[in-house]
C-alpha atoms as a PDB file:
ATOM      1  CA  MET A   1      27.542 -11.977 -64.309  1.00  0.00           C
ATOM      2  CA  VAL A   2      30.658 -14.107 -64.676  1.00  0.00           C
ATOM      3  CA  THR A   3      32.197 -14.975 -61.335  1.00  0.00           C
ATOM      4  CA  GLU A   4      34.819 -17.486 -62.407  1.00  0.00           C
ATOM      5  CA  SER A   5      37.197 -18.102 -65.270  1.00  0.00           C
ATOM      6  CA  HIS A   6      37.253 -21.369 -67.151  1.00  0.00           C
ATOM      7  CA  PRO A   7      40.544 -22.906 -68.264  1.00  0.00           C
ATOM      8  CA  ARG A   8      41.391 -22.621 -71.948  1.00  0.00           C
ATOM      9  CA  THR A   9      42.750 -25.385 -74.147  1.00  0.00           C
ATOM     10  CA  GLN A  10      44.333 -25.537 -77.573  1.00  0.00           C
ATOM     11  CA  THR A  11      42.180 -27.376 -80.106  1.00  0.00           C
ATOM     12  CA  GLY A  12      42.835 -28.999 -83.440  1.00  0.00           C
ATOM     13  CA  LEU A  13      39.566 -27.800 -84.949  1.00  0.00           C
ATOM     14  CA  ARG A  14      39.392 -28.398 -88.711  1.00  0.00           C
ATOM     15  CA  ILE A  15      37.494 -25.706 -90.572  1.00  0.00           C
ATOM     16  CA  ALA A  16      37.149 -24.661 -94.206  1.00  0.00           C
ATOM     17  CA  VAL A  17      39.815 -22.143 -95.203  1.00  0.00           C
ATOM     18  CA  PRO A  18      37.397 -19.416 -96.405  1.00  0.00           C
ATOM     19  CA  VAL A  19      35.409 -19.668 -93.156  1.00  0.00           C
ATOM     20  CA  LEU A  20      38.588 -19.341 -91.122  1.00  0.00           C
ATOM     21  CA  LYS A  21      39.761 -16.351 -93.156  1.00  0.00           C
ATOM     22  CA  VAL A  22      36.447 -14.551 -92.598  1.00  0.00           C
ATOM     23  CA  LEU A  23      36.594 -15.303 -88.862  1.00  0.00           C
ATOM     24  CA  LYS A  24      40.200 -14.089 -88.612  1.00  0.00           C
ATOM     25  CA  GLY A  25      39.345 -10.946 -90.563  1.00  0.00           C
ATOM     26  CA  LEU A  26      36.374 -10.254 -88.317  1.00  0.00           C
ATOM     27  CA  ALA A  27      38.430 -10.843 -85.171  1.00  0.00           C
ATOM     28  CA  GLU A  28      41.020  -8.370 -86.463  1.00  0.00           C
ATOM     29  CA  TYR A  29      38.282  -5.840 -87.284  1.00  0.00           C
ATOM     30  CA  LYS A  30      36.808  -6.230 -83.781  1.00  0.00           C
ATOM     31  CA  ASP A  31      40.315  -6.122 -82.206  1.00  0.00           C
ATOM     32  CA  MET A  32      39.820  -9.400 -80.365  1.00  0.00           C
ATOM     33  CA  SER A  33      41.334 -12.849 -80.426  1.00  0.00           C
ATOM     34  CA  LEU A  34      39.927 -15.500 -82.727  1.00  0.00           C
ATOM     35  CA  GLY A  35      39.117 -17.660 -79.700  1.00  0.00           C
ATOM     36  CA  ASP A  36      37.146 -14.874 -78.000  1.00  0.00           C
ATOM     37  CA  LEU A  37      35.223 -14.212 -81.218  1.00  0.00           C
ATOM     38  CA  VAL A  38      34.304 -17.882 -81.690  1.00  0.00           C
ATOM     39  CA  GLU A  39      33.298 -18.261 -78.025  1.00  0.00           C
ATOM     40  CA  GLY A  40      31.042 -15.218 -78.302  1.00  0.00           C
ATOM     41  CA  ILE A  41      29.397 -16.471 -81.503  1.00  0.00           C
ATOM     42  CA  VAL A  42      28.813 -19.928 -80.020  1.00  0.00           C
ATOM     43  CA  LEU A  43      27.441 -18.637 -76.711  1.00  0.00           C
ATOM     44  CA  HIS A  44      25.024 -16.354 -78.577  1.00  0.00           C
ATOM     45  CA  ALA A  45      23.938 -19.296 -80.771  1.00  0.00           C
ATOM     46  CA  PHE A  46      23.406 -21.515 -77.714  1.00  0.00           C
ATOM     47  CA  GLU A  47      20.974 -18.890 -76.382  1.00  0.00           C
ATOM     48  CA  GLY A  48      19.250 -18.354 -79.738  1.00  0.00           C
ATOM     49  CA  LYS A  49      20.586 -14.795 -79.987  1.00  0.00           C
ATOM     50  CA  ASP A  50      22.076 -12.963 -82.949  1.00  0.00           C
ATOM     51  CA  PRO A  51      25.741 -12.236 -82.206  1.00  0.00           C
ATOM     52  CA  PHE A  52      26.064  -9.453 -84.797  1.00  0.00           C
ATOM     53  CA  VAL A  53      24.748  -5.915 -85.162  1.00  0.00           C
ATOM     54  CA  PRO A  54      23.952  -4.680 -88.701  1.00  0.00           C
ATOM     55  CA  GLU A  55      27.332  -2.893 -89.027  1.00  0.00           C
ATOM     56  CA  THR A  56      29.176  -6.116 -88.238  1.00  0.00           C
ATOM     57  CA  ARG A  57      27.016  -8.055 -90.713  1.00  0.00           C
ATOM     58  CA  ALA A  58      28.077  -5.584 -93.421  1.00  0.00           C
ATOM     59  CA  VAL A  59      31.738  -6.221 -92.562  1.00  0.00           C
ATOM     60  CA  ILE A  60      31.106  -9.983 -92.682  1.00  0.00           C
ATOM     61  CA  ASP A  61      29.514  -9.624 -96.130  1.00  0.00           C
ATOM     62  CA  GLN A  62      32.596  -7.742 -97.346  1.00  0.00           C
ATOM     63  CA  LEU A  63      34.940 -10.364 -95.896  1.00  0.00           C
ATOM     64  CA  ARG A  64      32.885 -13.178 -97.449  1.00  0.00           C
ATOM     65  CA  GLY A  65      33.346 -11.546-100.851  1.00  0.00           C
ATOM     66  CA  ILE A  66      37.057 -10.964-100.351  1.00  0.00           C
ATOM     67  CA  TYR A  67      37.722 -14.555 -99.261  1.00  0.00           C
ATOM     68  CA  GLY A  68      35.254 -16.278-101.592  1.00  0.00           C
ATOM     69  CA  LEU A  69      32.980 -17.683 -98.903  1.00  0.00           C
ATOM     70  CA  ASP A  70      29.773 -18.541-100.735  1.00  0.00           C
ATOM     71  CA  TRP A  71      28.468 -21.264 -98.412  1.00  0.00           C
ATOM     72  CA  THR A  72      25.252 -20.590 -96.522  1.00  0.00           C
ATOM     73  CA  ALA A  73      23.918 -21.939 -93.239  1.00  0.00           C
ATOM     74  CA  ALA A  74      21.575 -24.215 -95.203  1.00  0.00           C
ATOM     75  CA  GLU A  75      24.633 -25.870 -96.780  1.00  0.00           C
ATOM     76  CA  SER A  76      26.676 -26.142 -93.611  1.00  0.00           C
ATOM     77  CA  HIS A  77      26.321 -29.912 -93.213  1.00  0.00           C
ATOM     78  CA  LEU A  78      26.610 -30.742 -96.917  1.00  0.00           C
ATOM     79  CA  HIS A  79      30.382 -30.285 -97.070  1.00  0.00           C
ATOM     80  CA  ALA A  80      31.788 -33.467 -95.579  1.00  0.00           C
ATOM     81  CA  GLU A  81      35.363 -33.364 -94.350  1.00  0.00           C
ATOM     82  CA  GLN A  82      37.755 -35.168 -96.676  1.00  0.00           C
ATOM     83  CA  PRO A  83      40.611 -37.243 -95.265  1.00  0.00           C
ATOM     84  CA  ASP A  84      44.107 -35.851 -95.698  1.00  0.00           C
ATOM     85  CA  ALA A  85      45.762 -36.935 -98.917  1.00  0.00           C
END
């Protein structure tokens, strides 16, 4: 049970555009903020738990197709960040 609130901060997180679009679409679908969605995903991952039920996975698959997200978890560290031009 949560007994205290932690302060929030704005971050300059750089993320691939298709990944961000899928996350924003999922947050909209779940009627929650992007920050709350990301926190929930990360906290589940930290505990080795799956953050998504099958219905949500189906929505994610649809959003991946819409926004052209074809990367997989196996490729996640193969896409090095490029410096700004």
